[in-house]
Amino acid sequence: MSDIYVVKASGDRVLFNPDKLIQSLDRAGAGQDIIAEVLKTIDNNLYNGITTKKIYRQAYKILNKLSSHHAGRY
């Protein structure tokens, strides 16, 4: 994957760090298989300038389809 910059709520542009998404999904209790599926789908939808809010929404939708219990915690 090439370098993708995301826009934070503050307006700052930072390099996308998949570890942050992994940590948040892990804190919600999602298993490694669910985390891998969410990451795969998010990775296919990333583009320069995407907002962290949009990434969160996409992750939530995917997580809700796979495990509504974990989505509620996310």
N, C-alpha and C. Protein backbone atom coordinates (compact mmCIF):
# COMPACT_ATOMS: atom_id res chain seq x y z
N MET A 1 0.86 -1.18 0.00
CA MET A 1 0.00 0.00 0.00
C MET A 1 0.90 1.23 0.00
N SER A 2 0.54 2.20 -0.82
CA SER A 2 1.30 3.45 -0.83
C SER A 2 0.86 4.31 0.34
N ASP A 3 1.58 5.39 0.56
CA ASP A 3 1.28 6.27 1.69
C ASP A 3 -0.07 6.96 1.48
N ILE A 4 -0.95 6.76 2.43
CA ILE A 4 -2.28 7.37 2.40
C ILE A 4 -2.35 8.35 3.57
N TYR A 5 -2.74 9.57 3.27
CA TYR A 5 -2.91 10.57 4.32
C TYR A 5 -4.38 10.72 4.63
N VAL A 6 -4.69 10.73 5.92
CA VAL A 6 -6.06 10.90 6.39
C VAL A 6 -6.18 12.26 7.07
N VAL A 7 -7.40 12.77 7.10
CA VAL A 7 -7.67 14.06 7.73
C VAL A 7 -8.37 13.82 9.05
N LYS A 8 -7.72 14.26 10.11
CA LYS A 8 -8.28 14.12 11.46
C LYS A 8 -9.36 15.16 11.69
N ALA A 9 -10.12 15.02 12.74
CA ALA A 9 -11.19 15.96 13.07
C ALA A 9 -10.65 17.38 13.26
N SER A 10 -9.41 17.48 13.69
CA SER A 10 -8.79 18.79 13.90
C SER A 10 -8.39 19.45 12.59
N GLY A 11 -8.44 18.68 11.50
CA GLY A 11 -8.02 19.21 10.20
C GLY A 11 -6.60 18.83 9.84
N ASP A 12 -5.88 18.25 10.79
CA ASP A 12 -4.51 17.81 10.53
C ASP A 12 -4.51 16.64 9.56
N ARG A 13 -3.51 16.63 8.68
CA ARG A 13 -3.33 15.50 7.77
C ARG A 13 -2.19 14.64 8.31
N VAL A 14 -2.48 13.36 8.52
CA VAL A 14 -1.47 12.44 9.04
C VAL A 14 -1.47 11.17 8.19
N LEU A 15 -0.36 10.47 8.25
CA LEU A 15 -0.22 9.21 7.54
C LEU A 15 -1.15 8.17 8.18
N PHE A 16 -1.88 7.43 7.36
CA PHE A 16 -2.77 6.40 7.88
C PHE A 16 -1.95 5.35 8.62
N ASN A 17 -2.37 5.03 9.83
CA ASN A 17 -1.69 4.04 10.65
C ASN A 17 -2.68 2.92 10.96
N PRO A 18 -2.58 1.79 10.28
CA PRO A 18 -3.54 0.71 10.52
C PRO A 18 -3.50 0.19 11.95
N ASP A 19 -2.37 0.36 12.64
CA ASP A 19 -2.28 -0.10 14.03
C ASP A 19 -3.30 0.58 14.92
N LYS A 20 -3.61 1.83 14.65
CA LYS A 20 -4.60 2.55 15.46
C LYS A 20 -5.98 1.93 15.29
N LEU A 21 -6.31 1.56 14.06
CA LEU A 21 -7.59 0.92 13.79
C LEU A 21 -7.63 -0.45 14.44
N ILE A 22 -6.54 -1.19 14.33
CA ILE A 22 -6.46 -2.51 14.96
C ILE A 22 -6.67 -2.40 16.47
N GLN A 23 -6.01 -1.43 17.10
CA GLN A 23 -6.14 -1.26 18.55
C GLN A 23 -7.57 -0.93 18.95
N SER A 24 -8.23 -0.07 18.18
CA SER A 24 -9.60 0.30 18.56
C SER A 24 -10.55 -0.89 18.39
N LEU A 25 -10.35 -1.68 17.34
CA LEU A 25 -11.18 -2.87 17.15
C LEU A 25 -10.90 -3.91 18.24
N ASP A 26 -9.64 -4.04 18.61
CA ASP A 26 -9.26 -4.96 19.67
C ASP A 26 -9.88 -4.54 21.01
N ARG A 27 -9.88 -3.24 21.30
CA ARG A 27 -10.49 -2.75 22.54
C ARG A 27 -11.99 -3.04 22.57
N ALA A 28 -12.61 -3.10 21.39
CA ALA A 28 -14.04 -3.41 21.33
C ALA A 28 -14.29 -4.90 21.51
N GLY A 29 -13.21 -5.68 21.52
CA GLY A 29 -13.35 -7.11 21.75
C GLY A 29 -13.41 -7.96 20.50
N ALA A 30 -13.20 -7.35 19.34
CA ALA A 30 -13.26 -8.09 18.08
C ALA A 30 -12.08 -9.06 18.00
N GLY A 31 -12.33 -10.24 17.47
CA GLY A 31 -11.28 -11.25 17.31
C GLY A 31 -10.42 -10.94 16.10
N GLN A 32 -9.32 -11.67 15.99
CA GLN A 32 -8.36 -11.43 14.91
C GLN A 32 -8.98 -11.63 13.53
N ASP A 33 -9.88 -12.59 13.38
CA ASP A 33 -10.51 -12.83 12.09
C ASP A 33 -11.41 -11.66 11.69
N ILE A 34 -12.13 -11.12 12.63
CA ILE A 34 -13.00 -9.96 12.36
C ILE A 34 -12.15 -8.74 12.06
N ILE A 35 -11.10 -8.53 12.84
CA ILE A 35 -10.21 -7.39 12.62
C ILE A 35 -9.60 -7.47 11.22
N ALA A 36 -9.17 -8.66 10.81
CA ALA A 36 -8.57 -8.84 9.49
C ALA A 36 -9.56 -8.50 8.38
N GLU A 37 -10.81 -8.92 8.56
CA GLU A 37 -11.84 -8.64 7.55
C GLU A 37 -12.13 -7.14 7.46
N VAL A 38 -12.22 -6.48 8.60
CA VAL A 38 -12.46 -5.03 8.61
C VAL A 38 -11.29 -4.31 7.93
N LEU A 39 -10.07 -4.68 8.28
CA LEU A 39 -8.89 -4.04 7.69
C LEU A 39 -8.84 -4.23 6.19
N LYS A 40 -9.14 -5.45 5.73
CA LYS A 40 -9.12 -5.74 4.29
C LYS A 40 -10.10 -4.84 3.54
N THR A 41 -11.29 -4.72 4.08
CA THR A 41 -12.31 -3.90 3.42
C THR A 41 -11.96 -2.42 3.48
N ILE A 42 -11.51 -1.95 4.63
CA ILE A 42 -11.11 -0.54 4.77
C ILE A 42 -9.96 -0.23 3.83
N ASP A 43 -8.99 -1.13 3.76
CA ASP A 43 -7.82 -0.93 2.90
C ASP A 43 -8.22 -0.73 1.44
N ASN A 44 -9.23 -1.45 1.00
CA ASN A 44 -9.70 -1.33 -0.38
C ASN A 44 -10.43 -0.02 -0.64
N ASN A 45 -10.87 0.65 0.42
CA ASN A 45 -11.64 1.89 0.27
C ASN A 45 -10.87 3.15 0.66
N LEU A 46 -9.58 3.00 0.98
CA LEU A 46 -8.79 4.17 1.39
C LEU A 46 -8.39 5.02 0.20
N TYR A 47 -8.34 6.31 0.42
CA TYR A 47 -7.83 7.25 -0.58
C TYR A 47 -7.27 8.45 0.17
N ASN A 48 -6.37 9.17 -0.47
CA ASN A 48 -5.78 10.36 0.15
C ASN A 48 -6.86 11.37 0.47
N GLY A 49 -6.85 11.85 1.70
CA GLY A 49 -7.80 12.87 2.13
C GLY A 49 -9.04 12.33 2.80
N ILE A 50 -9.16 11.01 2.93
CA ILE A 50 -10.31 10.45 3.62
C ILE A 50 -10.27 10.90 5.08
N THR A 51 -11.41 11.15 5.65
CA THR A 51 -11.45 11.60 7.04
C THR A 51 -11.45 10.40 7.98
N THR A 52 -10.93 10.62 9.18
CA THR A 52 -10.96 9.55 10.17
C THR A 52 -12.40 9.20 10.53
N LYS A 53 -13.28 10.17 10.45
CA LYS A 53 -14.70 9.92 10.74
C LYS A 53 -15.28 8.93 9.72
N LYS A 54 -14.91 9.09 8.45
CA LYS A 54 -15.41 8.20 7.42
C LYS A 54 -14.83 6.79 7.61
N ILE A 55 -13.57 6.71 8.01
CA ILE A 55 -12.97 5.40 8.29
C ILE A 55 -13.71 4.74 9.44
N TYR A 56 -13.99 5.51 10.49
CA TYR A 56 -14.73 4.99 11.65
C TYR A 56 -16.10 4.46 11.21
N ARG A 57 -16.82 5.24 10.41
CA ARG A 57 -18.15 4.83 9.96
C ARG A 57 -18.09 3.54 9.17
N GLN A 58 -17.11 3.45 8.25
CA GLN A 58 -16.96 2.23 7.45
C GLN A 58 -16.65 1.03 8.34
N ALA A 59 -15.73 1.22 9.28
CA ALA A 59 -15.35 0.13 10.18
C ALA A 59 -16.57 -0.31 11.01
N TYR A 60 -17.34 0.65 11.47
CA TYR A 60 -18.53 0.33 12.27
C TYR A 60 -19.53 -0.49 11.45
N LYS A 61 -19.78 -0.08 10.20
CA LYS A 61 -20.73 -0.80 9.35
C LYS A 61 -20.30 -2.25 9.14
N ILE A 62 -19.02 -2.43 8.84
CA ILE A 62 -18.49 -3.77 8.61
C ILE A 62 -18.60 -4.60 9.89
N LEU A 63 -18.18 -3.99 10.98
CA LEU A 63 -18.21 -4.68 12.28
C LEU A 63 -19.64 -5.04 12.66
N ASN A 64 -20.58 -4.18 12.38
CA ASN A 64 -21.98 -4.43 12.70
C ASN A 64 -22.51 -5.63 11.92
N LYS A 65 -22.07 -5.78 10.68
CA LYS A 65 -22.50 -6.94 9.88
C LYS A 65 -21.90 -8.23 10.42
N LEU A 66 -20.65 -8.15 10.87
CA LEU A 66 -19.95 -9.34 11.33
C LEU A 66 -20.27 -9.70 12.78
N SER A 67 -20.45 -8.68 13.61
CA SER A 67 -20.71 -8.93 15.03
C SER A 67 -21.33 -7.67 15.65
N SER A 68 -22.64 -7.67 15.76
CA SER A 68 -23.32 -6.49 16.28
C SER A 68 -22.93 -6.22 17.74
N HIS A 69 -22.60 -7.28 18.47
CA HIS A 69 -22.17 -7.09 19.86
C HIS A 69 -20.90 -6.24 19.92
N HIS A 70 -19.92 -6.57 19.10
CA HIS A 70 -18.67 -5.82 19.10
C HIS A 70 -18.87 -4.42 18.52
N ALA A 71 -19.76 -4.30 17.56
CA ALA A 71 -20.04 -2.98 16.98
C ALA A 71 -20.59 -2.04 18.04
N GLY A 72 -21.42 -2.57 18.92
CA GLY A 72 -21.97 -1.77 19.99
C GLY A 72 -20.89 -1.24 20.94
N ARG A 73 -19.86 -2.03 21.13
CA ARG A 73 -18.75 -1.63 21.99
C ARG A 73 -17.79 -0.69 21.27
N TYR A 74 -17.78 -0.76 19.94
CA TYR A 74 -16.89 0.07 19.14
C TYR A 74 -17.40 1.50 19.13
